[in-house]
Amino acid sequence: MAPARLLRMARLLALLLAISPPVALALQRIEARDGVSVEAAIALKEPTRIKIEGSAISDVFGNIYSTNCGSASTAPLVPNGSSLPAVNPSGEVILECDKDRGEIYVKPVADGAKPINLFVSSGKATYTLVLKRVDMPADTIVIVDRTPTAAGASASKVAGRAPNHERALKAMLVAMASDEPGEFRVEEVNQPVQLWSEARLTLLRTFEGRELTGEKYLLVNVSQAPMVLAEEEFDRDGGDVVAVSIETHALAPGESTNVFVIRDGSTPWRR
């Protein structure tokens, strides 16, 4: 092909790229396990569809602003298994249910840097989603279950518990994430906890319920290198930790995140 023709084609391609609309984000497939939080992006101004691969969503729990999901007697998809008021003024997300498909659509109420915590359940597991608000087109989140099936697997500690225990676990985490104690007794602590030299960890407050105790920590990356966090690092050998949730798993130097630890008993975690 002649050089002049190649040059014309290159210029045409550059022009087409310049005037083409931006490409929408690809579908988000996230691997999730029961009792372990995972991150995903949620559209700021458009609904985001959430579905579970191979299963229908049976329950949703979070700080819901409004919903069309109805009551327990009329719909299978019901936040916290009961009716919600028409509007929750402190809610963070609008929830809509597609009961026929077993899917949900969520949309943030407002902009903000704080991730939205949402629990999505199927008949066999509950997935903890940490949703980051991003100015992007509407998207779909597909949850792919990777919950271990072996007996005694650490990620499945809460599997097999009674449904009311699981609801208490979700309610505790929502209370800690939203700083709205509700039925829980809260104690302000603000006590430093020894961790790694690269991190500064402070126990901000504890939440006490009838079955569970929650601990809210602030972790700061004080090193000069990026830091990646995992829930397993906060699951101590005592065996009483039943859930850990981290708002932001990857921290640049100087950045911070909340860490939530829920346990049976009333002894705060120490290292």
C-alpha atoms as a PDB file:
ATOM      1  CA  MET A   1       0.000   0.000   0.000  1.00  0.00           C
ATOM      2  CA  ALA A   2       1.335   3.428  -0.958  1.00  0.00           C
ATOM      3  CA  PRO A   3       2.693   5.600   1.882  1.00  0.00           C
ATOM      4  CA  ALA A   4       0.303   8.459   0.979  1.00  0.00           C
ATOM      5  CA  ARG A   5      -2.709   6.147   1.270  1.00  0.00           C
ATOM      6  CA  LEU A   6      -1.460   4.820   4.618  1.00  0.00           C
ATOM      7  CA  LEU A   7      -1.130   8.380   5.868  1.00  0.00           C
ATOM      8  CA  ARG A   8      -4.710   9.223   4.779  1.00  0.00           C
ATOM      9  CA  MET A   9      -6.067   6.117   6.528  1.00  0.00           C
ATOM     10  CA  ALA A  10      -4.171   6.971   9.725  1.00  0.00           C
ATOM     11  CA  ARG A  11      -5.606  10.503   9.689  1.00  0.00           C
ATOM     12  CA  LEU A  12      -9.145   9.155   9.107  1.00  0.00           C
ATOM     13  CA  LEU A  13      -8.772   6.681  11.983  1.00  0.00           C
ATOM     14  CA  ALA A  14      -7.551   9.447  14.279  1.00  0.00           C
ATOM     15  CA  LEU A  15     -10.551  11.601  13.311  1.00  0.00           C
ATOM     16  CA  LEU A  16     -13.000   8.757  13.984  1.00  0.00           C
ATOM     17  CA  LEU A  17     -11.463   8.111  17.369  1.00  0.00           C
ATOM     18  CA  ALA A  18     -11.673  11.801  18.230  1.00  0.00           C
ATOM     19  CA  ILE A  19     -15.389  12.085  17.483  1.00  0.00           C
ATOM     20  CA  SER A  20     -16.499   8.655  18.771  1.00  0.00           C
ATOM     21  CA  PRO A  21     -18.467   8.638  22.035  1.00  0.00           C
ATOM     22  CA  PRO A  22     -16.716   7.208  25.070  1.00  0.00           C
ATOM     23  CA  VAL A  23     -16.968   3.444  25.471  1.00  0.00           C
ATOM     24  CA  ALA A  24     -19.107   2.291  28.405  1.00  0.00           C
ATOM     25  CA  LEU A  25     -17.455   0.380  31.193  1.00  0.00           C
ATOM     26  CA  ALA A  26     -17.507  -3.395  30.865  1.00  0.00           C
ATOM     27  CA  LEU A  27     -19.708  -5.591  32.983  1.00  0.00           C
ATOM     28  CA  GLN A  28     -18.198  -6.120  36.430  1.00  0.00           C
ATOM     29  CA  ARG A  29     -17.757  -9.769  37.426  1.00  0.00           C
ATOM     30  CA  ILE A  30     -16.656  -9.973  41.043  1.00  0.00           C
ATOM     31  CA  GLU A  31     -15.725 -13.133  42.891  1.00  0.00           C
ATOM     32  CA  ALA A  32     -17.265 -13.164  46.355  1.00  0.00           C
ATOM     33  CA  ARG A  33     -17.435 -15.423  49.390  1.00  0.00           C
ATOM     34  CA  ASP A  34     -19.808 -15.604  52.317  1.00  0.00           C
ATOM     35  CA  GLY A  35     -18.552 -13.371  55.142  1.00  0.00           C
ATOM     36  CA  VAL A  36     -15.806 -11.588  53.143  1.00  0.00           C
ATOM     37  CA  SER A  37     -16.276  -8.071  51.742  1.00  0.00           C
ATOM     38  CA  VAL A  38     -15.520  -7.284  48.086  1.00  0.00           C
ATOM     39  CA  GLU A  39     -15.261  -3.965  46.258  1.00  0.00           C
ATOM     40  CA  ALA A  40     -17.131  -2.856  43.156  1.00  0.00           C
ATOM     41  CA  ALA A  41     -18.002   0.404  41.390  1.00  0.00           C
ATOM     42  CA  ILE A  42     -21.505   1.877  41.425  1.00  0.00           C
ATOM     43  CA  ALA A  43     -22.681   4.505  38.944  1.00  0.00           C
ATOM     44  CA  LEU A  44     -23.163   7.893  40.596  1.00  0.00           C
ATOM     45  CA  LYS A  45     -26.076   9.187  38.493  1.00  0.00           C
ATOM     46  CA  GLU A  46     -27.483   6.025  36.904  1.00  0.00           C
ATOM     47  CA  PRO A  47     -28.900   2.768  38.295  1.00  0.00           C
ATOM     48  CA  THR A  48     -26.482  -0.124  38.690  1.00  0.00           C
ATOM     49  CA  ARG A  49     -27.832  -3.626  38.188  1.00  0.00           C
ATOM     50  CA  ILE A  50     -26.698  -6.329  40.624  1.00  0.00           C
ATOM     51  CA  LYS A  51     -27.259 -10.046  40.074  1.00  0.00           C
ATOM     52  CA  ILE A  52     -25.852 -13.328  41.375  1.00  0.00           C
ATOM     53  CA  GLU A  53     -24.598 -15.805  38.804  1.00  0.00           C
ATOM     54  CA  GLY A  54     -26.766 -18.915  38.915  1.00  0.00           C
ATOM     55  CA  SER A  55     -28.926 -17.728  41.840  1.00  0.00           C
ATOM     56  CA  ALA A  56     -31.682 -15.260  42.641  1.00  0.00           C
ATOM     57  CA  ILE A  57     -31.231 -12.497  45.200  1.00  0.00           C
ATOM     58  CA  SER A  58     -33.462 -13.293  48.173  1.00  0.00           C
ATOM     59  CA  ASP A  59     -32.593 -10.506  50.630  1.00  0.00           C
ATOM     60  CA  VAL A  60     -30.896  -7.097  50.677  1.00  0.00           C
ATOM     61  CA  PHE A  61     -29.692  -5.211  53.726  1.00  0.00           C
ATOM     62  CA  GLY A  62     -28.131  -1.764  53.967  1.00  0.00           C
ATOM     63  CA  ASN A  63     -28.731   1.893  54.674  1.00  0.00           C
ATOM     64  CA  ILE A  64     -31.632   2.163  52.198  1.00  0.00           C
ATOM     65  CA  TYR A  65     -33.097   5.582  51.336  1.00  0.00           C
ATOM     66  CA  SER A  66     -36.183   4.258  49.533  1.00  0.00           C
ATOM     67  CA  THR A  67     -37.300   1.026  47.871  1.00  0.00           C
ATOM     68  CA  ASN A  68     -40.052  -0.496  45.755  1.00  0.00           C
ATOM     69  CA  CYS A  69     -39.464  -3.988  47.141  1.00  0.00           C
ATOM     70  CA  GLY A  70     -42.641  -4.094  49.219  1.00  0.00           C
ATOM     71  CA  SER A  71     -43.168  -6.076  52.397  1.00  0.00           C
ATOM     72  CA  ALA A  72     -42.412  -9.647  53.423  1.00  0.00           C
ATOM     73  CA  SER A  73     -45.944 -10.717  52.494  1.00  0.00           C
ATOM     74  CA  THR A  74     -45.783  -9.392  48.935  1.00  0.00           C
ATOM     75  CA  ALA A  75     -42.170  -9.701  47.705  1.00  0.00           C
ATOM     76  CA  PRO A  76     -39.221 -12.078  48.128  1.00  0.00           C
ATOM     77  CA  LEU A  77     -36.696  -9.244  47.921  1.00  0.00           C
ATOM     78  CA  VAL A  78     -37.094  -7.301  51.135  1.00  0.00           C
ATOM     79  CA  PRO A  79     -34.363  -5.323  52.955  1.00  0.00           C
ATOM     80  CA  ASN A  80     -33.911  -6.839  56.413  1.00  0.00           C
ATOM     81  CA  GLY A  81     -37.004  -8.987  55.882  1.00  0.00           C
ATOM     82  CA  SER A  82     -39.491  -6.261  56.795  1.00  0.00           C
ATOM     83  CA  SER A  83     -41.216  -3.169  55.455  1.00  0.00           C
ATOM     84  CA  LEU A  84     -39.256   0.051  55.172  1.00  0.00           C
ATOM     85  CA  PRO A  85     -40.635   3.565  55.569  1.00  0.00           C
ATOM     86  CA  ALA A  86     -41.282   5.452  52.336  1.00  0.00           C
ATOM     87  CA  VAL A  87     -38.092   7.478  52.816  1.00  0.00           C
ATOM     88  CA  ASN A  88     -35.197   7.014  55.220  1.00  0.00           C
ATOM     89  CA  PRO A  89     -33.644  10.536  55.439  1.00  0.00           C
ATOM     90  CA  SER A  90     -30.220   9.169  56.391  1.00  0.00           C
ATOM     91  CA  GLY A  91     -30.235   6.495  53.693  1.00  0.00           C
ATOM     92  CA  GLU A  92     -27.445   6.263  51.132  1.00  0.00           C
ATOM     93  CA  VAL A  93     -28.942   4.285  48.266  1.00  0.00           C
ATOM     94  CA  ILE A  94     -32.198   3.865  46.349  1.00  0.00           C
ATOM     95  CA  LEU A  95     -33.124   0.200  45.880  1.00  0.00           C
ATOM     96  CA  GLU A  96     -35.401  -1.281  43.227  1.00  0.00           C
ATOM     97  CA  CYS A  97     -36.173  -4.985  42.868  1.00  0.00           C
ATOM     98  CA  ASP A  98     -36.851  -7.089  39.796  1.00  0.00           C
ATOM     99  CA  LYS A  99     -38.643  -9.905  41.590  1.00  0.00           C
ATOM    100  CA  ASP A 100     -39.190 -11.978  38.439  1.00  0.00           C
ATOM    101  CA  ARG A 101     -35.478 -12.124  37.642  1.00  0.00           C
ATOM    102  CA  GLY A 102     -34.203 -12.073  41.216  1.00  0.00           C
ATOM    103  CA  GLU A 103     -32.083  -8.982  40.539  1.00  0.00           C
ATOM    104  CA  ILE A 104     -31.806  -5.511  42.054  1.00  0.00           C
ATOM    105  CA  TYR A 105     -30.996  -1.995  40.844  1.00  0.00           C
ATOM    106  CA  VAL A 106     -29.273   0.503  43.125  1.00  0.00           C
ATOM    107  CA  LYS A 107     -28.497   4.196  42.777  1.00  0.00           C
ATOM    108  CA  PRO A 108     -26.702   6.471  45.278  1.00  0.00           C
ATOM    109  CA  VAL A 109     -28.728   9.278  46.794  1.00  0.00           C
ATOM    110  CA  ALA A 110     -25.811  11.712  46.574  1.00  0.00           C
ATOM    111  CA  ASP A 111     -22.135  12.035  45.730  1.00  0.00           C
ATOM    112  CA  GLY A 112     -19.546  11.198  48.370  1.00  0.00           C
ATOM    113  CA  ALA A 113     -16.179   9.596  48.994  1.00  0.00           C
ATOM    114  CA  LYS A 114     -17.500   7.139  51.597  1.00  0.00           C
ATOM    115  CA  PRO A 115     -18.235   3.709  50.073  1.00  0.00           C
ATOM    116  CA  ILE A 116     -21.734   2.267  50.408  1.00  0.00           C
ATOM    117  CA  ASN A 117     -21.969  -1.035  52.307  1.00  0.00           C
ATOM    118  CA  LEU A 118     -24.617  -3.401  50.983  1.00  0.00           C
ATOM    119  CA  PHE A 119     -25.376  -7.013  51.916  1.00  0.00           C
ATOM    120  CA  VAL A 120     -26.847  -9.196  49.181  1.00  0.00           C
ATOM    121  CA  SER A 121     -28.092 -12.699  50.004  1.00  0.00           C
ATOM    122  CA  SER A 122     -28.988 -15.759  47.988  1.00  0.00           C
ATOM    123  CA  GLY A 123     -30.347 -19.008  49.379  1.00  0.00           C
ATOM    124  CA  LYS A 124     -26.855 -20.200  50.291  1.00  0.00           C
ATOM    125  CA  ALA A 125     -24.661 -17.188  51.113  1.00  0.00           C
ATOM    126  CA  THR A 126     -24.551 -13.501  52.021  1.00  0.00           C
ATOM    127  CA  TYR A 127     -22.130 -11.262  50.135  1.00  0.00           C
ATOM    128  CA  THR A 128     -20.757  -8.019  51.594  1.00  0.00           C
ATOM    129  CA  LEU A 129     -20.382  -5.389  48.870  1.00  0.00           C
ATOM    130  CA  VAL A 130     -18.306  -2.237  49.336  1.00  0.00           C
ATOM    131  CA  LEU A 131     -19.610   0.013  46.555  1.00  0.00           C
ATOM    132  CA  LYS A 132     -17.531   3.004  45.447  1.00  0.00           C
ATOM    133  CA  ARG A 133     -19.455   5.879  43.850  1.00  0.00           C
ATOM    134  CA  VAL A 134     -18.012   6.586  40.390  1.00  0.00           C
ATOM    135  CA  ASP A 135     -19.190   9.055  37.723  1.00  0.00           C
ATOM    136  CA  MET A 136     -19.681   6.454  34.998  1.00  0.00           C
ATOM    137  CA  PRO A 137     -22.475   5.063  32.765  1.00  0.00           C
ATOM    138  CA  ALA A 138     -24.973   2.512  34.042  1.00  0.00           C
ATOM    139  CA  ASP A 139     -23.333  -0.849  34.614  1.00  0.00           C
ATOM    140  CA  THR A 140     -24.023  -4.405  35.799  1.00  0.00           C
ATOM    141  CA  ILE A 141     -22.347  -6.171  38.711  1.00  0.00           C
ATOM    142  CA  VAL A 142     -22.391  -9.968  38.527  1.00  0.00           C
ATOM    143  CA  ILE A 143     -21.546 -11.732  41.788  1.00  0.00           C
ATOM    144  CA  VAL A 144     -19.725 -15.026  41.201  1.00  0.00           C
ATOM    145  CA  ASP A 145     -19.841 -17.231  44.293  1.00  0.00           C
ATOM    146  CA  ARG A 146     -16.487 -18.577  45.449  1.00  0.00           C
ATOM    147  CA  THR A 147     -17.502 -19.637  48.967  1.00  0.00           C
ATOM    148  CA  PRO A 148     -15.432 -22.685  50.017  1.00  0.00           C
ATOM    149  CA  THR A 149     -17.493 -25.803  50.558  1.00  0.00           C
ATOM    150  CA  ALA A 150     -15.021 -27.612  52.805  1.00  0.00           C
ATOM    151  CA  ALA A 151     -16.172 -27.968  56.401  1.00  0.00           C
ATOM    152  CA  GLY A 152     -14.500 -25.574  58.781  1.00  0.00           C
ATOM    153  CA  ALA A 153     -13.287 -23.142  56.116  1.00  0.00           C
ATOM    154  CA  SER A 154     -12.503 -19.830  57.803  1.00  0.00           C
ATOM    155  CA  ALA A 155     -14.454 -17.781  55.256  1.00  0.00           C
ATOM    156  CA  SER A 156     -17.616 -19.710  56.129  1.00  0.00           C
ATOM    157  CA  LYS A 157     -17.631 -19.268  59.882  1.00  0.00           C
ATOM    158  CA  VAL A 158     -21.101 -17.819  59.924  1.00  0.00           C
ATOM    159  CA  ALA A 159     -22.577 -20.376  57.518  1.00  0.00           C
ATOM    160  CA  GLY A 160     -25.222 -22.522  59.093  1.00  0.00           C
ATOM    161  CA  ARG A 161     -26.075 -20.002  61.785  1.00  0.00           C
ATOM    162  CA  ALA A 162     -29.703 -19.239  62.470  1.00  0.00           C
ATOM    163  CA  PRO A 163     -31.221 -16.544  60.221  1.00  0.00           C
ATOM    164  CA  ASN A 164     -31.762 -14.190  63.171  1.00  0.00           C
ATOM    165  CA  HIS A 165     -28.045 -14.427  64.038  1.00  0.00           C
ATOM    166  CA  GLU A 166     -27.128 -13.519  60.465  1.00  0.00           C
ATOM    167  CA  ARG A 167     -29.470 -10.534  60.563  1.00  0.00           C
ATOM    168  CA  ALA A 168     -27.903  -9.405  63.827  1.00  0.00           C
ATOM    169  CA  LEU A 169     -24.494  -9.592  62.133  1.00  0.00           C
ATOM    170  CA  LYS A 170     -25.670  -7.423  59.227  1.00  0.00           C
ATOM    171  CA  ALA A 171     -27.376  -4.927  61.528  1.00  0.00           C
ATOM    172  CA  MET A 172     -24.178  -4.568  63.578  1.00  0.00           C
ATOM    173  CA  LEU A 173     -22.047  -3.813  60.514  1.00  0.00           C
ATOM    174  CA  VAL A 174     -24.533  -1.291  59.133  1.00  0.00           C
ATOM    175  CA  ALA A 175     -24.664   0.464  62.519  1.00  0.00           C
ATOM    176  CA  MET A 176     -20.869   0.722  62.646  1.00  0.00           C
ATOM    177  CA  ALA A 177     -20.516   1.867  59.032  1.00  0.00           C
ATOM    178  CA  SER A 178     -23.192   4.554  59.375  1.00  0.00           C
ATOM    179  CA  ASP A 179     -22.289   5.578  62.957  1.00  0.00           C
ATOM    180  CA  GLU A 180     -25.951   5.233  63.872  1.00  0.00           C
ATOM    181  CA  PRO A 181     -26.006   2.900  66.905  1.00  0.00           C
ATOM    182  CA  GLY A 182     -29.724   2.149  66.921  1.00  0.00           C
ATOM    183  CA  GLU A 183     -30.246  -0.782  69.287  1.00  0.00           C
ATOM    184  CA  PHE A 184     -26.535  -1.147  70.126  1.00  0.00           C
ATOM    185  CA  ARG A 185     -24.696   0.334  73.088  1.00  0.00           C
ATOM    186  CA  VAL A 186     -21.718   2.411  71.910  1.00  0.00           C
ATOM    187  CA  GLU A 187     -18.565   3.230  73.840  1.00  0.00           C
ATOM    188  CA  GLU A 188     -16.058   5.805  72.583  1.00  0.00           C
ATOM    189  CA  VAL A 189     -12.526   4.428  72.962  1.00  0.00           C
ATOM    190  CA  ASN A 190     -10.018   6.286  70.689  1.00  0.00           C
ATOM    191  CA  GLN A 191      -7.214   3.990  71.765  1.00  0.00           C
ATOM    192  CA  PRO A 192      -4.093   3.237  69.667  1.00  0.00           C
ATOM    193  CA  VAL A 193      -3.562  -0.448  68.891  1.00  0.00           C
ATOM    194  CA  GLN A 194      -0.163  -1.872  68.010  1.00  0.00           C
ATOM    195  CA  LEU A 195      -0.112  -3.231  64.474  1.00  0.00           C
ATOM    196  CA  TRP A 196       2.656  -3.135  61.890  1.00  0.00           C
ATOM    197  CA  SER A 197       5.269  -0.398  61.720  1.00  0.00           C
ATOM    198  CA  GLU A 198       3.819   0.610  58.346  1.00  0.00           C
ATOM    199  CA  ALA A 199       0.356   1.306  59.748  1.00  0.00           C
ATOM    200  CA  ARG A 200      -1.263   3.292  62.549  1.00  0.00           C
ATOM    201  CA  LEU A 201      -4.381   1.629  63.936  1.00  0.00           C
ATOM    202  CA  THR A 202      -6.827   3.254  66.345  1.00  0.00           C
ATOM    203  CA  LEU A 203      -9.831   1.591  67.969  1.00  0.00           C
ATOM    204  CA  LEU A 204     -12.407   4.368  67.610  1.00  0.00           C
ATOM    205  CA  ARG A 205     -15.436   2.839  69.330  1.00  0.00           C
ATOM    206  CA  THR A 206     -17.095  -0.425  70.276  1.00  0.00           C
ATOM    207  CA  PHE A 207     -20.682  -1.519  69.635  1.00  0.00           C
ATOM    208  CA  GLU A 208     -22.322  -4.017  71.978  1.00  0.00           C
ATOM    209  CA  GLY A 209     -25.410  -6.060  71.179  1.00  0.00           C
ATOM    210  CA  ARG A 210     -27.102  -9.045  72.764  1.00  0.00           C
ATOM    211  CA  GLU A 211     -25.105 -11.578  70.734  1.00  0.00           C
ATOM    212  CA  LEU A 212     -22.233  -9.686  69.161  1.00  0.00           C
ATOM    213  CA  THR A 213     -19.623  -7.042  69.830  1.00  0.00           C
ATOM    214  CA  GLY A 214     -18.373  -4.761  67.058  1.00  0.00           C
ATOM    215  CA  GLU A 215     -15.151  -2.766  66.873  1.00  0.00           C
ATOM    216  CA  LYS A 216     -14.605   0.164  64.522  1.00  0.00           C
ATOM    217  CA  TYR A 217     -10.983   0.963  63.729  1.00  0.00           C
ATOM    218  CA  LEU A 218      -9.249   3.670  61.711  1.00  0.00           C
ATOM    219  CA  LEU A 219      -6.157   2.421  59.889  1.00  0.00           C
ATOM    220  CA  VAL A 220      -3.663   4.870  58.336  1.00  0.00           C
ATOM    221  CA  ASN A 221      -0.864   3.916  55.952  1.00  0.00           C
ATOM    222  CA  VAL A 222       2.113   5.747  57.484  1.00  0.00           C
ATOM    223  CA  SER A 223       4.667   4.139  55.170  1.00  0.00           C
ATOM    224  CA  GLN A 224       6.058   5.474  51.901  1.00  0.00           C
ATOM    225  CA  ALA A 225       4.675   2.576  49.868  1.00  0.00           C
ATOM    226  CA  PRO A 226       1.187   1.460  48.788  1.00  0.00           C
ATOM    227  CA  MET A 227      -0.532  -0.956  51.161  1.00  0.00           C
ATOM    228  CA  VAL A 228      -3.016  -3.726  50.330  1.00  0.00           C
ATOM    229  CA  LEU A 229      -5.218  -5.028  53.149  1.00  0.00           C
ATOM    230  CA  ALA A 230      -7.010  -8.350  53.555  1.00  0.00           C
ATOM    231  CA  GLU A 231      -9.731  -9.350  56.010  1.00  0.00           C
ATOM    232  CA  GLU A 232      -7.724 -12.374  57.160  1.00  0.00           C
ATOM    233  CA  GLU A 233      -5.130 -10.055  58.749  1.00  0.00           C
ATOM    234  CA  PHE A 234      -7.723  -8.958  61.327  1.00  0.00           C
ATOM    235  CA  ASP A 235      -9.052 -12.440  62.127  1.00  0.00           C
ATOM    236  CA  ARG A 236      -7.132 -13.349  65.262  1.00  0.00           C
ATOM    237  CA  ASP A 237      -6.406 -16.802  66.687  1.00  0.00           C
ATOM    238  CA  GLY A 238      -8.993 -16.513  69.454  1.00  0.00           C
ATOM    239  CA  GLY A 239     -11.654 -17.943  67.166  1.00  0.00           C
ATOM    240  CA  ASP A 240     -14.333 -15.451  68.183  1.00  0.00           C
ATOM    241  CA  VAL A 241     -14.190 -13.227  65.059  1.00  0.00           C
ATOM    242  CA  VAL A 242     -17.221 -13.905  62.872  1.00  0.00           C
ATOM    243  CA  ALA A 243     -16.861 -11.108  60.289  1.00  0.00           C
ATOM    244  CA  VAL A 244     -14.381  -8.481  59.084  1.00  0.00           C
ATOM    245  CA  SER A 245     -15.102  -5.664  56.636  1.00  0.00           C
ATOM    246  CA  ILE A 246     -12.594  -3.162  55.192  1.00  0.00           C
ATOM    247  CA  GLU A 247     -13.913  -0.068  53.402  1.00  0.00           C
ATOM    248  CA  THR A 248     -10.841   0.434  51.192  1.00  0.00           C
ATOM    249  CA  HIS A 249      -8.439  -2.421  50.570  1.00  0.00           C
ATOM    250  CA  ALA A 250      -5.690  -0.495  48.739  1.00  0.00           C
ATOM    251  CA  LEU A 251      -4.152   2.546  50.451  1.00  0.00           C
ATOM    252  CA  ALA A 252      -1.616   4.974  49.056  1.00  0.00           C
ATOM    253  CA  PRO A 253       0.876   6.538  51.506  1.00  0.00           C
ATOM    254  CA  GLY A 254      -1.013   8.747  53.956  1.00  0.00           C
ATOM    255  CA  GLU A 255      -4.451   7.358  53.079  1.00  0.00           C
ATOM    256  CA  SER A 256      -6.762   5.814  55.661  1.00  0.00           C
ATOM    257  CA  THR A 257      -9.696   3.420  55.867  1.00  0.00           C
ATOM    258  CA  ASN A 258     -12.230   2.152  58.368  1.00  0.00           C
ATOM    259  CA  VAL A 259     -11.942  -1.465  59.489  1.00  0.00           C
ATOM    260  CA  PHE A 260     -14.883  -3.231  61.137  1.00  0.00           C
ATOM    261  CA  VAL A 261     -14.433  -6.359  63.254  1.00  0.00           C
ATOM    262  CA  ILE A 262     -17.421  -8.283  64.617  1.00  0.00           C
ATOM    263  CA  ARG A 263     -17.000 -11.044  67.177  1.00  0.00           C
ATOM    264  CA  ASP A 264     -18.799 -13.230  69.636  1.00  0.00           C
ATOM    265  CA  GLY A 265     -17.997 -12.035  73.147  1.00  0.00           C
ATOM    266  CA  SER A 266     -16.916  -8.627  74.408  1.00  0.00           C
ATOM    267  CA  THR A 267     -13.087  -8.484  74.345  1.00  0.00           C
ATOM    268  CA  PRO A 268     -11.754  -5.978  71.757  1.00  0.00           C
ATOM    269  CA  TRP A 269      -9.147  -7.231  69.340  1.00  0.00           C
ATOM    270  CA  ARG A 270      -5.527  -6.587  70.218  1.00  0.00           C
ATOM    271  CA  ARG A 271      -2.240  -7.484  68.535  1.00  0.00           C
END
